């Protein structure tokens, strides 16, 4: 999610498309939150593991 957010952020900036810029920022923030929660070992959505 972090990588996709970064790609959309760069594409939105280069192509001057504001919706890609906005979606990229949102995906970066959500990806960062999930990364931090995963690094602390906290279960996300009630599940400790996703198979």
PDB file of N, CA and C in Angstrom:
ATOM      1  N   UNK A   1       0.825  -1.183   0.000  1.00  0.00           N
ATOM      2  CA  UNK A   1       0.000   0.000   0.000  1.00  0.00           C
ATOM      3  C   UNK A   1       0.875   1.254   0.000  1.00  0.00           C
ATOM      4  N   UNK A   2       1.989   1.156   0.685  1.00  0.00           N
ATOM      5  CA  UNK A   2       2.915   2.287   0.702  1.00  0.00           C
ATOM      6  C   UNK A   2       3.490   2.548  -0.689  1.00  0.00           C
ATOM      7  N   UNK A   3       3.863   1.485  -1.363  1.00  0.00           N
ATOM      8  CA  UNK A   3       4.465   1.634  -2.686  1.00  0.00           C
ATOM      9  C   UNK A   3       3.448   2.166  -3.684  1.00  0.00           C
ATOM     10  N   UNK A   4       2.232   1.635  -3.647  1.00  0.00           N
ATOM     11  CA  UNK A   4       1.184   2.123  -4.539  1.00  0.00           C
ATOM     12  C   UNK A   4       0.873   3.590  -4.268  1.00  0.00           C
ATOM     13  N   UNK A   5       0.814   3.970  -3.007  1.00  0.00           N
ATOM     14  CA  UNK A   5       0.583   5.359  -2.656  1.00  0.00           C
ATOM     15  C   UNK A   5       1.683   6.272  -3.162  1.00  0.00           C
ATOM     16  N   UNK A   6       2.918   5.819  -3.053  1.00  0.00           N
ATOM     17  CA  UNK A   6       4.050   6.611  -3.532  1.00  0.00           C
ATOM     18  C   UNK A   6       4.012   6.754  -5.052  1.00  0.00           C
ATOM     19  N   UNK A   7       3.682   5.674  -5.753  1.00  0.00           N
ATOM     20  CA  UNK A   7       3.586   5.730  -7.216  1.00  0.00           C
ATOM     21  C   UNK A   7       2.487   6.692  -7.644  1.00  0.00           C
ATOM     22  N   UNK A   8       1.314   6.603  -7.021  1.00  0.00           N
ATOM     23  CA  UNK A   8       0.218   7.497  -7.383  1.00  0.00           C
ATOM     24  C   UNK A   8       0.548   8.945  -7.038  1.00  0.00           C
ATOM     25  N   UNK A   9       1.244   9.151  -5.938  1.00  0.00           N
ATOM     26  CA  UNK A   9       1.642  10.500  -5.548  1.00  0.00           C
ATOM     27  C   UNK A   9       2.575  11.107  -6.593  1.00  0.00           C
ATOM     28  N   UNK A  10       3.545  10.341  -7.047  1.00  0.00           N
ATOM     29  CA  UNK A  10       4.483  10.827  -8.058  1.00  0.00           C
ATOM     30  C   UNK A  10       3.775  11.055  -9.391  1.00  0.00           C
ATOM     31  N   UNK A  11       2.918  10.106  -9.804  1.00  0.00           N
ATOM     32  CA  UNK A  11       2.180  10.271 -11.058  1.00  0.00           C
ATOM     33  C   UNK A  11       1.261  11.488 -11.008  1.00  0.00           C
ATOM     34  N   UNK A  12       0.597  11.681  -9.894  1.00  0.00           N
ATOM     35  CA  UNK A  12      -0.274  12.834  -9.754  1.00  0.00           C
ATOM     36  C   UNK A  12       0.477  14.142  -9.828  1.00  0.00           C
ATOM     37  N   UNK A  13       1.690  14.157  -9.292  1.00  0.00           N
ATOM     38  CA  UNK A  13       2.503  15.369  -9.340  1.00  0.00           C
ATOM     39  C   UNK A  13       3.025  15.627 -10.754  1.00  0.00           C
ATOM     40  N   UNK A  14       3.528  14.567 -11.398  1.00  0.00           N
ATOM     41  CA  UNK A  14       4.114  14.718 -12.732  1.00  0.00           C
ATOM     42  C   UNK A  14       3.043  15.046 -13.769  1.00  0.00           C
ATOM     43  N   UNK A  15       1.903  14.337 -13.721  1.00  0.00           N
ATOM     44  CA  UNK A  15       0.843  14.539 -14.713  1.00  0.00           C
ATOM     45  C   UNK A  15      -0.106  15.667 -14.338  1.00  0.00           C
ATOM     46  N   UNK A  16       0.084  16.250 -13.173  1.00  0.00           N
ATOM     47  CA  UNK A  16      -0.754  17.343 -12.680  1.00  0.00           C
ATOM     48  C   UNK A  16      -2.228  16.934 -12.595  1.00  0.00           C
ATOM     49  N   UNK A  17      -2.449  15.734 -12.026  1.00  0.00           N
ATOM     50  CA  UNK A  17      -3.809  15.220 -11.820  1.00  0.00           C
ATOM     51  C   UNK A  17      -4.041  15.199 -10.308  1.00  0.00           C
ATOM     52  N   UNK A  18      -4.924  16.058  -9.839  1.00  0.00           N
ATOM     53  CA  UNK A  18      -5.089  16.226  -8.393  1.00  0.00           C
ATOM     54  C   UNK A  18      -5.712  15.007  -7.717  1.00  0.00           C
ATOM     55  N   UNK A  19      -6.572  14.257  -8.413  1.00  0.00           N
ATOM     56  CA  UNK A  19      -7.199  13.093  -7.773  1.00  0.00           C
ATOM     57  C   UNK A  19      -6.162  12.006  -7.499  1.00  0.00           C
ATOM     58  N   UNK A  20      -5.177  11.838  -8.388  1.00  0.00           N
ATOM     59  CA  UNK A  20      -4.109  10.863  -8.129  1.00  0.00           C
ATOM     60  C   UNK A  20      -3.253  11.316  -6.949  1.00  0.00           C
ATOM     61  N   UNK A  21      -3.016  12.604  -6.854  1.00  0.00           N
ATOM     62  CA  UNK A  21      -2.253  13.177  -5.751  1.00  0.00           C
ATOM     63  C   UNK A  21      -2.963  12.888  -4.427  1.00  0.00           C
ATOM     64  N   UNK A  22      -4.286  13.108  -4.397  1.00  0.00           N
ATOM     65  CA  UNK A  22      -5.073  12.901  -3.184  1.00  0.00           C
ATOM     66  C   UNK A  22      -5.119  11.428  -2.797  1.00  0.00           C
ATOM     67  N   UNK A  23      -5.380  10.556  -3.755  1.00  0.00           N
ATOM     68  CA  UNK A  23      -5.430   9.113  -3.467  1.00  0.00           C
ATOM     69  C   UNK A  23      -4.061   8.625  -3.009  1.00  0.00           C
ATOM     70  N   UNK A  24      -3.002   9.140  -3.604  1.00  0.00           N
ATOM     71  CA  UNK A  24      -1.651   8.754  -3.194  1.00  0.00           C
ATOM     72  C   UNK A  24      -1.354   9.115  -1.752  1.00  0.00           C
ATOM     73  N   UNK A  25      -1.759  10.313  -1.346  1.00  0.00           N
ATOM     74  CA  UNK A  25      -1.552  10.731   0.046  1.00  0.00           C
ATOM     75  C   UNK A  25      -2.340   9.843   1.005  1.00  0.00           C
ATOM     76  N   UNK A  26      -3.596   9.555   0.653  1.00  0.00           N
ATOM     77  CA  UNK A  26      -4.429   8.710   1.514  1.00  0.00           C
ATOM     78  C   UNK A  26      -3.827   7.317   1.641  1.00  0.00           C
ATOM     79  N   UNK A  27      -3.394   6.721   0.522  1.00  0.00           N
ATOM     80  CA  UNK A  27      -2.805   5.386   0.575  1.00  0.00           C
ATOM     81  C   UNK A  27      -1.499   5.375   1.358  1.00  0.00           C
ATOM     82  N   UNK A  28      -0.715   6.428   1.242  1.00  0.00           N
ATOM     83  CA  UNK A  28       0.519   6.509   2.032  1.00  0.00           C
ATOM     84  C   UNK A  28       0.214   6.546   3.530  1.00  0.00           C
ATOM     85  N   UNK A  29      -0.777   7.323   3.916  1.00  0.00           N
ATOM     86  CA  UNK A  29      -1.126   7.415   5.338  1.00  0.00           C
ATOM     87  C   UNK A  29      -1.671   6.098   5.874  1.00  0.00           C
ATOM     88  N   UNK A  30      -2.578   5.469   5.124  1.00  0.00           N
ATOM     89  CA  UNK A  30      -3.150   4.189   5.573  1.00  0.00           C
ATOM     90  C   UNK A  30      -2.072   3.114   5.610  1.00  0.00           C
ATOM     91  N   UNK A  31      -1.214   3.087   4.605  1.00  0.00           N
ATOM     92  CA  UNK A  31      -0.127   2.111   4.582  1.00  0.00           C
ATOM     93  C   UNK A  31       0.834   2.300   5.739  1.00  0.00           C
ATOM     94  N   UNK A  32       1.120   3.551   6.083  1.00  0.00           N
ATOM     95  CA  UNK A  32       2.012   3.818   7.217  1.00  0.00           C
ATOM     96  C   UNK A  32       1.393   3.364   8.530  1.00  0.00           C
ATOM     97  N   UNK A  33       0.083   3.587   8.692  1.00  0.00           N
ATOM     98  CA  UNK A  33      -0.601   3.145   9.916  1.00  0.00           C
ATOM     99  C   UNK A  33      -0.574   1.624  10.015  1.00  0.00           C
ATOM    100  N   UNK A  34      -0.863   0.927   8.906  1.00  0.00           N
ATOM    101  CA  UNK A  34      -0.827  -0.543   8.930  1.00  0.00           C
ATOM    102  C   UNK A  34       0.583  -1.054   9.181  1.00  0.00           C
ATOM    103  N   UNK A  35       1.583  -0.380   8.638  1.00  0.00           N
ATOM    104  CA  UNK A  35       2.963  -0.791   8.848  1.00  0.00           C
ATOM    105  C   UNK A  35       3.346  -0.645  10.316  1.00  0.00           C
ATOM    106  N   UNK A  36       2.959   0.465  10.926  1.00  0.00           N
ATOM    107  CA  UNK A  36       3.271   0.678  12.345  1.00  0.00           C
ATOM    108  C   UNK A  36       2.535  -0.338  13.214  1.00  0.00           C
ATOM    109  N   UNK A  37       1.258  -0.583  12.922  1.00  0.00           N
ATOM    110  CA  UNK A  37       0.514  -1.580  13.699  1.00  0.00           C
ATOM    111  C   UNK A  37       1.107  -2.973  13.537  1.00  0.00           C
ATOM    112  N   UNK A  38       1.515  -3.308  12.336  1.00  0.00           N
ATOM    113  CA  UNK A  38       2.126  -4.612  12.095  1.00  0.00           C
ATOM    114  C   UNK A  38       3.469  -4.753  12.782  1.00  0.00           C
ATOM    115  N   UNK A  39       4.228  -3.669  12.837  1.00  0.00           N
ATOM    116  CA  UNK A  39       5.539  -3.717  13.472  1.00  0.00           C
ATOM    117  C   UNK A  39       5.437  -3.868  14.987  1.00  0.00           C
ATOM    118  N   UNK A  40       4.337  -3.384  15.568  1.00  0.00           N
ATOM    119  CA  UNK A  40       4.169  -3.510  17.012  1.00  0.00           C
ATOM    120  C   UNK A  40       3.583  -4.856  17.400  1.00  0.00           C
ATOM    121  N   UNK A  41       3.166  -5.647  16.398  1.00  0.00           N
ATOM    122  CA  UNK A  41       2.601  -6.956  16.691  1.00  0.00           C
ATOM    123  C   UNK A  41       1.129  -6.912  17.033  1.00  0.00           C
ATOM    124  N   UNK A  42       0.487  -5.798  16.806  1.00  0.00           N
ATOM    125  CA  UNK A  42      -0.930  -5.653  17.127  1.00  0.00           C
ATOM    126  C   UNK A  42      -1.782  -6.230  16.006  1.00  0.00           C
ATOM    127  N   UNK A  43      -2.829  -6.934  16.376  1.00  0.00           N
ATOM    128  CA  UNK A  43      -3.740  -7.510  15.402  1.00  0.00           C
ATOM    129  C   UNK A  43      -4.560  -6.408  14.733  1.00  0.00           C
ATOM    130  N   UNK A  44      -4.739  -6.494  13.431  1.00  0.00           N
ATOM    131  CA  UNK A  44      -5.497  -5.515  12.662  1.00  0.00           C
ATOM    132  C   UNK A  44      -6.816  -6.147  12.248  1.00  0.00           C
ATOM    133  N   UNK A  45      -7.924  -5.555  12.617  1.00  0.00           N
ATOM    134  CA  UNK A  45      -9.228  -6.095  12.239  1.00  0.00           C
ATOM    135  C   UNK A  45      -9.587  -7.356  12.997  1.00  0.00           C
ATOM    136  N   UNK A  46      -9.012  -7.554  14.166  1.00  0.00           N
ATOM    137  CA  UNK A  46      -9.348  -8.732  14.958  1.00  0.00           C
ATOM    138  C   UNK A  46      -8.591  -9.975  14.570  1.00  0.00           C
ATOM    139  N   UNK A  47      -7.704  -9.900  13.610  1.00  0.00           N
ATOM    140  CA  UNK A  47      -6.948 -11.077  13.173  1.00  0.00           C
ATOM    141  C   UNK A  47      -5.459 -10.845  13.398  1.00  0.00           C
ATOM    142  N   UNK A  48      -4.828 -11.829  13.941  1.00  0.00           N
ATOM    143  CA  UNK A  48      -3.393 -11.724  14.168  1.00  0.00           C
ATOM    144  C   UNK A  48      -2.612 -12.089  12.909  1.00  0.00           C
ATOM    145  N   UNK A  49      -3.180 -12.980  12.078  1.00  0.00           N
ATOM    146  CA  UNK A  49      -2.504 -13.435  10.865  1.00  0.00           C
ATOM    147  C   UNK A  49      -3.495 -13.441   9.719  1.00  0.00           C
ATOM    148  N   UNK A  50      -3.002 -13.133   8.541  1.00  0.00           N
ATOM    149  CA  UNK A  50      -3.806 -13.204   7.323  1.00  0.00           C
ATOM    150  C   UNK A  50      -3.214 -14.305   6.439  1.00  0.00           C
ATOM    151  N   UNK A  51      -4.005 -15.327   6.163  1.00  0.00           N
ATOM    152  CA  UNK A  51      -3.509 -16.447   5.355  1.00  0.00           C
ATOM    153  C   UNK A  51      -4.064 -16.385   3.967  1.00  0.00           C
TER     154      UNK A  51
END
